[in-house]
Amino acid sequence: MFFTSLIHAIKFPNWLSENIISIGPLTIKWYGVAYIIGLFGAYYYAYRMSERRDVWIAGPAARKPELVPNKDMLSDLMFYCLVGIIVGGRLGYVMLYKPDMFMNAPIDVFKVWEGGMAFHGGFLGVCGAVIYAAWRKKLTLMRIADMAAIGAPIGIGAVRLLGNFFNQELWGRATDVPWAMIFPKDFDSIPRHPSQLYEAFLEGIVIFLVLRILCIRFKALTKPGLCAGGFIFMYGLFRFTIEFFREPDIGIAQFGFLTRGMTYSLPMIMIGGAVIIWAARRGPVSPKRQAVKDAAAK
């Protein structure tokens, strides 16, 4: 059966490369483009949602109004999140997966271009960015957290597809399913789950659609914290599930039968669920808007 699956396994497309353009010393990689698409896509989507009037009005029984983030606030949030993703993602990778790097090769911690970013570290970095933005812009924490959450799946989906899949990394465990894929960078050359695509679908597309439905049909943005809690819960749940199909990192110890990814996702499931319950039990708030400063005022 395994030999048959090897014959029928899908070969990774040879026309796909981690580089978009490579001319002499100039190289543009899909990884960098994925971050740009994800960051600006998340910002633009959050901005368009902030401009809509219908999703922020729940009804006459609303509590006191809370400020709706405007374009200026969201553009600043985008910059803070960029810093949080880079710093948190890199430090998270080193601390959670390769802590010995601090002692053996501390200078390598700064070599981001050599790869090594952890989602859970980046997530904590974004949490720090959201807290700072809420303080700096005088917004309620959950209000700005919701805006970060609804756009985050765009970035995650882009990085999983254009980054992880195109770069042939973080592939899945050996399998004989009909859609198994053979990656040229895999020295074993065996059919594997294309777990990067599973993650792009679940963590990107599915979470995005669920949050969009919650916002538009069920007015989730009128209950600050509901979208943020939903994102944290769903990501933790999907990541925990996909870890059953994803090849564990070589040389990194597991916690019993739990992989590192599973272990780090469990707190997200619990925290996300708690935030959902807390937000759902609170009454909706009404919107308050602040005009965007024009160029002359600046």
Protein backbone atom coordinates (compact mmCIF):
# COMPACT_ATOMS: atom_id res chain seq x y z
CA MET A 1 0.00 0.00 0.00
CA PHE A 2 2.76 2.40 0.88
CA PHE A 3 4.57 1.73 -2.44
CA THR A 4 1.31 2.36 -4.31
CA SER A 5 0.79 5.63 -2.46
CA LEU A 6 4.32 6.66 -3.38
CA ILE A 7 3.48 6.23 -7.06
CA HIS A 8 0.21 8.17 -6.84
CA ALA A 9 1.36 10.88 -4.44
CA ILE A 10 1.24 14.44 -5.71
CA LYS A 11 4.65 15.87 -6.45
CA PHE A 12 5.29 19.40 -5.25
CA PRO A 13 4.97 21.68 -8.31
CA ASN A 14 8.47 22.29 -9.68
CA TRP A 15 7.43 25.72 -10.95
CA LEU A 16 6.84 26.93 -7.40
CA SER A 17 9.84 28.52 -5.71
CA GLU A 18 10.52 30.32 -2.47
CA ASN A 19 11.85 33.21 -4.59
CA ILE A 20 9.72 35.50 -6.70
CA ILE A 21 12.63 37.22 -8.41
CA SER A 22 16.33 36.43 -8.18
CA ILE A 23 18.61 38.69 -10.22
CA GLY A 24 22.21 38.70 -9.04
CA PRO A 25 22.28 39.83 -5.41
CA LEU A 26 18.63 40.93 -5.59
CA THR A 27 16.21 38.32 -4.29
CA ILE A 28 12.56 38.86 -3.44
CA LYS A 29 11.05 35.99 -1.49
CA TRP A 30 7.45 34.95 -1.14
CA TYR A 31 7.93 34.90 2.61
CA GLY A 32 8.47 38.66 2.78
CA VAL A 33 5.62 39.31 0.35
CA ALA A 34 3.32 37.14 2.49
CA TYR A 35 3.99 39.32 5.53
CA ILE A 36 3.34 42.48 3.52
CA ILE A 37 0.10 41.12 2.05
CA GLY A 38 -1.00 39.85 5.43
CA LEU A 39 -0.24 43.05 7.30
CA PHE A 40 -1.75 45.48 4.82
CA GLY A 41 -4.63 43.12 4.05
CA ALA A 42 -5.50 42.92 7.75
CA TYR A 43 -5.26 46.70 8.10
CA TYR A 44 -7.42 47.41 5.05
CA TYR A 45 -10.07 44.89 6.08
CA ALA A 46 -10.24 46.26 9.64
CA TYR A 47 -10.47 49.80 8.25
CA ARG A 48 -13.33 48.86 5.91
CA MET A 49 -15.18 47.22 8.79
CA SER A 50 -14.68 50.30 10.96
CA GLU A 51 -16.29 52.42 8.22
CA ARG A 52 -19.45 50.33 8.12
CA ARG A 53 -22.30 51.68 10.22
CA ASP A 54 -24.55 48.65 10.45
CA VAL A 55 -22.11 46.28 12.21
CA TRP A 56 -21.63 48.63 15.16
CA ILE A 57 -25.30 49.17 16.08
CA ALA A 58 -27.00 46.47 18.15
CA GLY A 59 -30.26 48.08 19.22
CA PRO A 60 -31.82 50.36 21.84
CA ALA A 61 -30.62 48.29 24.82
CA ALA A 62 -26.97 49.17 24.31
CA ARG A 63 -24.66 50.18 27.15
CA LYS A 64 -22.63 53.39 27.18
CA PRO A 65 -20.86 54.13 23.89
CA GLU A 66 -17.30 53.05 23.17
CA LEU A 67 -15.00 54.59 20.58
CA VAL A 68 -14.76 52.87 17.20
CA PRO A 69 -11.12 52.86 16.00
CA ASN A 70 -10.63 55.13 12.98
CA LYS A 71 -8.14 55.04 10.11
CA ASP A 72 -5.36 56.83 12.02
CA MET A 73 -5.68 54.49 15.01
CA LEU A 74 -5.68 51.40 12.82
CA SER A 75 -2.64 52.50 10.80
CA ASP A 76 -0.72 52.99 14.05
CA LEU A 77 -1.94 49.59 15.24
CA MET A 78 -0.59 48.05 12.03
CA PHE A 79 2.88 49.44 12.75
CA TYR A 80 2.81 48.29 16.38
CA CYS A 81 1.71 44.81 15.25
CA LEU A 82 4.55 44.67 12.71
CA VAL A 83 7.06 45.27 15.48
CA GLY A 84 5.29 42.80 17.75
CA ILE A 85 5.24 40.08 15.08
CA ILE A 86 8.95 40.40 14.26
CA VAL A 87 10.23 40.75 17.83
CA GLY A 88 7.75 38.36 19.42
CA GLY A 89 7.95 35.81 16.63
CA ARG A 90 11.73 35.63 16.75
CA LEU A 91 12.11 35.67 20.52
CA GLY A 92 9.25 33.19 20.81
CA TYR A 93 10.98 30.80 18.42
CA VAL A 94 14.24 30.98 20.35
CA MET A 95 12.67 30.75 23.81
CA LEU A 96 10.06 28.10 23.02
CA TYR A 97 11.96 25.92 20.56
CA LYS A 98 15.71 26.66 20.79
CA PRO A 99 16.49 28.16 24.21
CA ASP A 100 20.10 26.95 24.01
CA MET A 101 20.73 29.57 21.32
CA PHE A 102 20.94 32.26 24.03
CA MET A 103 23.95 30.50 25.53
CA ASN A 104 25.64 28.87 22.55
CA ALA A 105 25.18 31.46 19.80
CA PRO A 106 23.47 34.62 21.12
CA ILE A 107 24.28 36.60 17.97
CA ASP A 108 22.15 34.14 15.98
CA VAL A 109 19.08 35.39 17.81
CA PHE A 110 19.16 38.46 15.58
CA LYS A 111 19.56 36.54 12.31
CA VAL A 112 15.90 36.67 11.35
CA TRP A 113 16.77 36.27 7.66
CA GLU A 114 17.95 32.71 8.34
CA GLY A 115 14.44 31.69 9.36
CA GLY A 116 12.89 30.76 12.66
CA MET A 117 9.67 32.50 13.66
CA ALA A 118 7.09 31.09 16.06
CA PHE A 119 3.41 31.93 15.78
CA HIS A 120 2.83 31.75 19.53
CA GLY A 121 5.67 34.22 20.12
CA GLY A 122 4.32 36.49 17.39
CA PHE A 123 0.88 36.24 18.97
CA LEU A 124 2.25 37.44 22.30
CA GLY A 125 4.03 40.24 20.46
CA VAL A 126 0.75 41.31 18.86
CA CYS A 127 -0.95 41.15 22.28
CA GLY A 128 1.68 43.60 23.52
CA ALA A 129 1.06 45.81 20.48
CA VAL A 130 -2.69 45.80 21.12
CA ILE A 131 -2.22 46.72 24.79
CA TYR A 132 0.13 49.56 23.82
CA ALA A 133 -2.26 50.81 21.13
CA ALA A 134 -5.19 50.78 23.55
CA TRP A 135 -3.20 52.82 26.06
CA ARG A 136 -1.74 55.19 23.47
CA LYS A 137 -5.02 55.86 21.66
CA LYS A 138 -7.21 55.80 24.78
CA LEU A 139 -9.31 52.91 23.51
CA THR A 140 -10.81 50.07 25.49
CA LEU A 141 -8.56 47.03 25.24
CA MET A 142 -11.14 44.64 23.85
CA ARG A 143 -12.31 47.13 21.24
CA ILE A 144 -8.89 47.37 19.59
CA ALA A 145 -8.26 43.65 20.18
CA ASP A 146 -11.34 42.83 18.12
CA MET A 147 -10.02 44.92 15.22
CA ALA A 148 -6.70 43.08 15.31
CA ALA A 149 -8.49 39.72 15.50
CA ILE A 150 -10.79 40.11 12.49
CA GLY A 151 -7.86 40.89 10.18
CA ALA A 152 -5.35 38.43 11.63
CA PRO A 153 -6.57 35.38 9.63
CA ILE A 154 -5.63 37.20 6.40
CA GLY A 155 -2.02 37.39 7.53
CA ILE A 156 -1.95 33.85 8.88
CA GLY A 157 -3.40 32.41 5.68
CA ALA A 158 -0.94 34.34 3.51
CA VAL A 159 2.10 33.23 5.52
CA ARG A 160 0.99 29.58 5.66
CA LEU A 161 0.45 29.46 1.89
CA LEU A 162 3.04 31.81 0.38
CA GLY A 163 5.59 31.31 3.12
CA ASN A 164 5.44 27.82 4.62
CA PHE A 165 4.03 25.95 1.61
CA PHE A 166 6.02 27.69 -1.12
CA ASN A 167 9.14 27.36 1.03
CA GLN A 168 8.46 23.62 1.58
CA GLU A 169 8.68 23.79 5.35
CA LEU A 170 6.55 22.60 8.25
CA TRP A 171 5.24 19.72 6.15
CA GLY A 172 3.10 16.94 7.58
CA ARG A 173 3.60 13.40 8.76
CA ALA A 174 3.94 10.46 6.40
CA THR A 175 0.60 9.29 5.00
CA ASP A 176 -1.06 7.35 2.21
CA VAL A 177 -4.07 9.65 1.67
CA PRO A 178 -4.82 10.37 -2.02
CA TRP A 179 -3.77 14.01 -1.67
CA ALA A 180 -0.41 13.20 -0.04
CA MET A 181 2.45 15.28 -1.40
CA ILE A 182 6.16 14.65 -1.94
CA PHE A 183 8.33 17.66 -1.19
CA PRO A 184 11.70 17.88 -3.02
CA LYS A 185 13.31 19.34 0.11
CA ASP A 186 12.31 16.25 2.08
CA PHE A 187 15.36 13.98 2.13
CA ASP A 188 13.11 10.98 2.84
CA SER A 189 11.07 11.70 -0.32
CA ILE A 190 7.93 10.11 1.12
CA PRO A 191 4.27 11.14 0.75
CA ARG A 192 3.27 13.55 3.49
CA HIS A 193 0.25 15.52 4.62
CA PRO A 194 0.40 19.03 3.09
CA SER A 195 -0.22 20.40 6.58
CA GLN A 196 0.70 23.93 5.48
CA LEU A 197 -2.45 23.91 3.31
CA TYR A 198 -4.53 22.54 6.19
CA GLU A 199 -3.35 25.45 8.30
CA ALA A 200 -3.91 28.02 5.56
CA PHE A 201 -7.48 26.75 5.19
CA LEU A 202 -8.46 26.38 8.84
CA GLU A 203 -6.41 29.14 10.49
CA GLY A 204 -6.85 31.53 7.58
CA ILE A 205 -10.02 31.02 5.54
CA VAL A 206 -12.28 29.33 8.10
CA ILE A 207 -11.49 31.68 10.99
CA PHE A 208 -11.87 34.70 8.68
CA LEU A 209 -15.30 33.56 7.45
CA VAL A 210 -16.57 32.66 10.92
CA LEU A 211 -15.55 36.04 12.34
CA ARG A 212 -17.03 37.86 9.34
CA ILE A 213 -20.36 36.09 9.80
CA LEU A 214 -20.31 36.89 13.50
CA CYS A 215 -19.64 40.56 12.75
CA ILE A 216 -22.17 41.06 9.97
CA ARG A 217 -25.06 38.78 10.93
CA PHE A 218 -24.72 38.64 14.71
CA LYS A 219 -23.21 42.10 15.42
CA ALA A 220 -20.27 40.61 17.33
CA LEU A 221 -18.38 43.94 17.26
CA THR A 222 -21.04 45.45 19.53
CA LYS A 223 -19.79 43.11 22.26
CA PRO A 224 -16.09 43.98 22.68
CA GLY A 225 -13.94 40.92 23.17
CA LEU A 226 -16.19 38.47 21.35
CA CYS A 227 -14.18 38.48 18.11
CA ALA A 228 -10.84 38.48 19.93
CA GLY A 229 -11.92 35.55 22.08
CA GLY A 230 -13.30 33.75 19.04
CA PHE A 231 -10.05 34.15 17.15
CA ILE A 232 -7.90 32.95 20.06
CA PHE A 233 -10.17 29.95 20.72
CA MET A 234 -10.44 28.86 17.08
CA TYR A 235 -6.75 29.25 16.35
CA GLY A 236 -5.82 27.23 19.43
CA LEU A 237 -8.33 24.51 18.56
CA PHE A 238 -7.33 24.28 14.89
CA ARG A 239 -3.61 24.37 15.62
CA PHE A 240 -3.97 21.67 18.27
CA THR A 241 -5.86 19.49 15.77
CA ILE A 242 -3.46 20.04 12.87
CA GLU A 243 -0.52 19.03 15.08
CA PHE A 244 -1.76 15.43 14.70
CA PHE A 245 -0.93 15.71 11.00
CA ARG A 246 2.13 17.97 11.15
CA GLU A 247 5.64 16.54 11.45
CA PRO A 248 7.14 17.53 14.82
CA ASP A 249 10.32 19.59 14.72
CA ILE A 250 13.41 17.39 14.64
CA GLY A 251 15.53 17.49 17.78
CA ILE A 252 12.92 19.30 19.86
CA ALA A 253 11.54 17.35 22.80
CA GLN A 254 7.80 16.88 23.22
CA PHE A 255 5.81 17.12 26.44
CA GLY A 256 4.73 13.51 26.75
CA PHE A 257 2.41 12.74 23.83
CA LEU A 258 1.85 16.46 23.27
CA THR A 259 3.94 18.30 20.69
CA ARG A 260 5.21 21.78 21.45
CA GLY A 261 2.52 23.23 19.18
CA MET A 262 -0.20 21.36 21.07
CA THR A 263 1.14 22.43 24.43
CA TYR A 264 1.34 26.09 23.47
CA SER A 265 -2.14 25.99 21.92
CA LEU A 266 -3.95 24.61 24.97
CA PRO A 267 -3.78 27.93 26.90
CA MET A 268 -5.20 29.70 23.82
CA ILE A 269 -8.22 27.38 23.81
CA MET A 270 -8.89 27.99 27.50
CA ILE A 271 -8.27 31.75 27.44
CA GLY A 272 -10.21 32.21 24.21
CA GLY A 273 -13.17 30.26 25.58
CA ALA A 274 -13.16 32.31 28.79
CA VAL A 275 -13.09 35.60 26.86
CA ILE A 276 -15.98 34.45 24.65
CA ILE A 277 -18.13 33.61 27.69
CA TRP A 278 -17.22 36.90 29.40
CA ALA A 279 -17.98 39.00 26.31
CA ALA A 280 -21.19 37.15 25.40
CA ARG A 281 -22.66 37.72 28.87
CA ARG A 282 -22.17 41.47 28.68
CA GLY A 283 -24.66 43.73 26.99
CA PRO A 284 -23.82 45.39 23.67
CA VAL A 285 -22.29 48.86 23.51
CA SER A 286 -23.23 51.70 21.20
CA PRO A 287 -20.66 53.26 18.85
CA LYS A 288 -18.86 56.56 19.27
CA ARG A 289 -16.76 57.98 16.46
CA GLN A 290 -13.84 60.34 16.31
CA ALA A 291 -13.01 62.20 13.14
CA VAL A 292 -9.72 61.44 11.37
CA LYS A 293 -7.28 64.35 11.60
CA ASP A 294 -6.73 66.01 8.24
CA ALA A 295 -3.37 67.04 6.87
CA ALA A 296 -3.83 70.68 7.81
CA ALA A 297 -4.57 69.84 11.42
CA LYS A 298 -1.38 67.83 11.61
